[in-house]
Amino acid sequence: MKATDTAAKDNRGQNRIEVSEVIHVIDRQTGNTIGQLVNISEEGLMLQGPEPVAENGIYQLSLEFEADSASAADGPLMIGVESLWCHSSSDQAQHWSGFYIIDISEHDLQRIRQLAR
């Protein structure tokens, strides 16, 4: 584990759940796909995408499951988030972004808890 990973983990209240399926992250304001979900917890998430995300921005996101996923039947997860950081790969081809969840329904919170099982 790198020092930055350790520092990030120390700032989290909960462990993140690594996702094994493709979950597209859509900016509901623009309709653009901004990346794919890497991990998630009840408090935050990380995504990987082709473009950087502005730090300290407020976003309304839709987390959309692939059609063949068991989770797809319940529809997308809808969350409000604040972007905390964004880091680029060395070739600037990919960007990892961290978010804090600021708005989520109880139903969607329960769905995040189910992802951990």
C-alpha atoms as a PDB file:
ATOM      1  CA  MET A   1       0.000   0.000   0.000  1.00  0.00           C
ATOM      2  CA  LYS A   2       1.371   3.402  -0.956  1.00  0.00           C
ATOM      3  CA  ALA A   3       1.618   6.220   1.587  1.00  0.00           C
ATOM      4  CA  THR A   4      -1.169   8.114  -0.200  1.00  0.00           C
ATOM      5  CA  ASP A   5      -3.406   5.030   0.035  1.00  0.00           C
ATOM      6  CA  THR A   6      -2.726   4.780   3.769  1.00  0.00           C
ATOM      7  CA  ALA A   7      -3.506   8.472   4.311  1.00  0.00           C
ATOM      8  CA  ALA A   8      -6.717   8.215   2.306  1.00  0.00           C
ATOM      9  CA  LYS A   9      -7.823   5.124   4.231  1.00  0.00           C
ATOM     10  CA  ASP A  10      -7.100   6.854   7.562  1.00  0.00           C
ATOM     11  CA  ASN A  11      -9.455   9.699   6.575  1.00  0.00           C
ATOM     12  CA  ARG A  12     -12.317   7.330   5.787  1.00  0.00           C
ATOM     13  CA  GLY A  13     -14.835   6.328   8.395  1.00  0.00           C
ATOM     14  CA  GLN A  14     -15.686   3.096   6.573  1.00  0.00           C
ATOM     15  CA  ASN A  15     -13.969   0.632   4.298  1.00  0.00           C
ATOM     16  CA  ARG A  16     -14.814   0.911   0.650  1.00  0.00           C
ATOM     17  CA  ILE A  17     -16.340  -1.988  -1.254  1.00  0.00           C
ATOM     18  CA  GLU A  18     -14.440  -2.895  -4.434  1.00  0.00           C
ATOM     19  CA  VAL A  19     -16.960  -3.412  -7.225  1.00  0.00           C
ATOM     20  CA  SER A  20     -16.503  -6.380  -9.529  1.00  0.00           C
ATOM     21  CA  GLU A  21     -19.083  -5.396 -12.110  1.00  0.00           C
ATOM     22  CA  VAL A  22     -19.184  -2.478 -14.534  1.00  0.00           C
ATOM     23  CA  ILE A  23     -21.154   0.420 -13.038  1.00  0.00           C
ATOM     24  CA  HIS A  24     -21.249   3.539 -15.199  1.00  0.00           C
ATOM     25  CA  VAL A  25     -21.240   6.910 -13.421  1.00  0.00           C
ATOM     26  CA  ILE A  26     -23.396   9.530 -15.139  1.00  0.00           C
ATOM     27  CA  ASP A  27     -23.467  13.263 -14.359  1.00  0.00           C
ATOM     28  CA  ARG A  28     -27.230  13.874 -14.183  1.00  0.00           C
ATOM     29  CA  GLN A  29     -26.806  17.602 -14.960  1.00  0.00           C
ATOM     30  CA  THR A  30     -25.101  16.986 -18.319  1.00  0.00           C
ATOM     31  CA  GLY A  31     -26.090  13.404 -19.103  1.00  0.00           C
ATOM     32  CA  ASN A  32     -22.408  12.593 -19.730  1.00  0.00           C
ATOM     33  CA  THR A  33     -20.726   9.424 -18.528  1.00  0.00           C
ATOM     34  CA  ILE A  34     -17.855  10.625 -16.348  1.00  0.00           C
ATOM     35  CA  GLY A  35     -16.388   7.235 -15.506  1.00  0.00           C
ATOM     36  CA  GLN A  36     -16.821   3.831 -13.946  1.00  0.00           C
ATOM     37  CA  LEU A  37     -17.216   3.071 -10.268  1.00  0.00           C
ATOM     38  CA  VAL A  38     -14.089   1.614  -8.645  1.00  0.00           C
ATOM     39  CA  ASN A  39     -15.235   1.374  -5.029  1.00  0.00           C
ATOM     40  CA  ILE A  40     -17.962   2.681  -2.740  1.00  0.00           C
ATOM     41  CA  SER A  41     -18.996   2.944   0.918  1.00  0.00           C
ATOM     42  CA  GLU A  42     -21.914   4.543   2.737  1.00  0.00           C
ATOM     43  CA  GLU A  43     -19.857   7.750   2.902  1.00  0.00           C
ATOM     44  CA  GLY A  44     -18.066   8.008  -0.416  1.00  0.00           C
ATOM     45  CA  LEU A  45     -16.868   6.530  -3.669  1.00  0.00           C
ATOM     46  CA  MET A  46     -14.039   6.514  -6.170  1.00  0.00           C
ATOM     47  CA  LEU A  47     -14.377   6.451  -9.914  1.00  0.00           C
ATOM     48  CA  GLN A  48     -12.036   6.134 -12.871  1.00  0.00           C
ATOM     49  CA  GLY A  49     -12.690   8.085 -16.042  1.00  0.00           C
ATOM     50  CA  PRO A  50     -11.154   9.586 -19.164  1.00  0.00           C
ATOM     51  CA  GLU A  51     -11.508  13.230 -18.052  1.00  0.00           C
ATOM     52  CA  PRO A  52     -10.560  14.980 -14.796  1.00  0.00           C
ATOM     53  CA  VAL A  53     -13.315  15.957 -12.374  1.00  0.00           C
ATOM     54  CA  ALA A  54     -13.198  19.425 -10.810  1.00  0.00           C
ATOM     55  CA  GLU A  55     -12.257  19.282  -7.134  1.00  0.00           C
ATOM     56  CA  ASN A  56     -14.753  20.744  -4.636  1.00  0.00           C
ATOM     57  CA  GLY A  57     -17.578  20.441  -7.166  1.00  0.00           C
ATOM     58  CA  ILE A  58     -21.105  19.331  -6.314  1.00  0.00           C
ATOM     59  CA  TYR A  59     -22.557  16.650  -8.590  1.00  0.00           C
ATOM     60  CA  GLN A  60     -25.792  14.742  -8.946  1.00  0.00           C
ATOM     61  CA  LEU A  61     -24.745  11.274 -10.071  1.00  0.00           C
ATOM     62  CA  SER A  62     -26.524   8.242 -11.395  1.00  0.00           C
ATOM     63  CA  LEU A  63     -24.736   4.909 -10.892  1.00  0.00           C
ATOM     64  CA  GLU A  64     -26.011   2.663 -13.654  1.00  0.00           C
ATOM     65  CA  PHE A  65     -25.597  -1.104 -13.642  1.00  0.00           C
ATOM     66  CA  GLU A  66     -25.113  -3.236 -16.770  1.00  0.00           C
ATOM     67  CA  ALA A  67     -28.390  -4.702 -18.062  1.00  0.00           C
ATOM     68  CA  ASP A  68     -27.394  -8.275 -17.127  1.00  0.00           C
ATOM     69  CA  SER A  69     -26.575  -7.335 -13.518  1.00  0.00           C
ATOM     70  CA  ALA A  70     -28.883  -8.526 -10.734  1.00  0.00           C
ATOM     71  CA  SER A  71     -28.744  -4.957  -9.362  1.00  0.00           C
ATOM     72  CA  ALA A  72     -30.038  -3.476 -12.636  1.00  0.00           C
ATOM     73  CA  ALA A  73     -33.629  -4.496 -11.860  1.00  0.00           C
ATOM     74  CA  ASP A  74     -33.827  -1.847  -9.130  1.00  0.00           C
ATOM     75  CA  GLY A  75     -32.643   0.874 -11.521  1.00  0.00           C
ATOM     76  CA  PRO A  76     -29.711   3.239 -11.034  1.00  0.00           C
ATOM     77  CA  LEU A  77     -28.456   4.507  -7.682  1.00  0.00           C
ATOM     78  CA  MET A  78     -29.051   8.276  -7.407  1.00  0.00           C
ATOM     79  CA  ILE A  79     -26.668  10.235  -5.193  1.00  0.00           C
ATOM     80  CA  GLY A  80     -25.486  13.766  -4.544  1.00  0.00           C
ATOM     81  CA  VAL A  81     -21.746  14.079  -4.001  1.00  0.00           C
ATOM     82  CA  GLU A  82     -18.925  16.532  -3.428  1.00  0.00           C
ATOM     83  CA  SER A  83     -15.683  15.868  -5.294  1.00  0.00           C
ATOM     84  CA  LEU A  84     -12.707  15.823  -2.940  1.00  0.00           C
ATOM     85  CA  TRP A  85      -9.743  15.036  -5.182  1.00  0.00           C
ATOM     86  CA  CYS A  86      -8.706  14.004  -8.693  1.00  0.00           C
ATOM     87  CA  HIS A  87      -5.421  12.358  -9.733  1.00  0.00           C
ATOM     88  CA  SER A  88      -4.233  11.632 -13.279  1.00  0.00           C
ATOM     89  CA  SER A  89      -2.299   8.620 -14.489  1.00  0.00           C
ATOM     90  CA  SER A  90       1.272   9.336 -15.587  1.00  0.00           C
ATOM     91  CA  ASP A  91       0.195   9.504 -19.245  1.00  0.00           C
ATOM     92  CA  GLN A  92      -2.911  11.614 -18.404  1.00  0.00           C
ATOM     93  CA  ALA A  93      -5.106   8.963 -20.116  1.00  0.00           C
ATOM     94  CA  GLN A  94      -7.084   8.070 -16.971  1.00  0.00           C
ATOM     95  CA  HIS A  95      -8.212  10.020 -13.931  1.00  0.00           C
ATOM     96  CA  TRP A  96      -9.210   8.748 -10.493  1.00  0.00           C
ATOM     97  CA  SER A  97     -11.614  10.907  -8.488  1.00  0.00           C
ATOM     98  CA  GLY A  98     -12.803  10.663  -4.897  1.00  0.00           C
ATOM     99  CA  PHE A  99     -16.225  11.830  -3.719  1.00  0.00           C
ATOM    100  CA  TYR A 100     -18.045  12.305  -0.431  1.00  0.00           C
ATOM    101  CA  ILE A 101     -21.752  11.370  -0.505  1.00  0.00           C
ATOM    102  CA  ILE A 102     -23.862  14.295   0.678  1.00  0.00           C
ATOM    103  CA  ASP A 103     -27.331  13.173  -0.444  1.00  0.00           C
ATOM    104  CA  ILE A 104     -28.759   9.664  -0.823  1.00  0.00           C
ATOM    105  CA  SER A 105     -32.150   8.056  -0.267  1.00  0.00           C
ATOM    106  CA  GLU A 106     -32.535   5.422   2.426  1.00  0.00           C
ATOM    107  CA  HIS A 107     -33.420   2.901  -0.306  1.00  0.00           C
ATOM    108  CA  ASP A 108     -30.196   3.557  -2.230  1.00  0.00           C
ATOM    109  CA  LEU A 109     -28.170   3.503   1.003  1.00  0.00           C
ATOM    110  CA  GLN A 110     -29.546   0.012   1.667  1.00  0.00           C
ATOM    111  CA  ARG A 111     -28.515  -1.001  -1.866  1.00  0.00           C
ATOM    112  CA  ILE A 112     -24.935   0.125  -1.176  1.00  0.00           C
ATOM    113  CA  ARG A 113     -24.964  -1.999   1.978  1.00  0.00           C
ATOM    114  CA  GLN A 114     -26.121  -4.968  -0.114  1.00  0.00           C
ATOM    115  CA  LEU A 115     -23.136  -4.601  -2.446  1.00  0.00           C
ATOM    116  CA  ALA A 116     -20.895  -5.544   0.486  1.00  0.00           C
ATOM    117  CA  ARG A 117     -22.575  -8.904   0.951  1.00  0.00           C
END
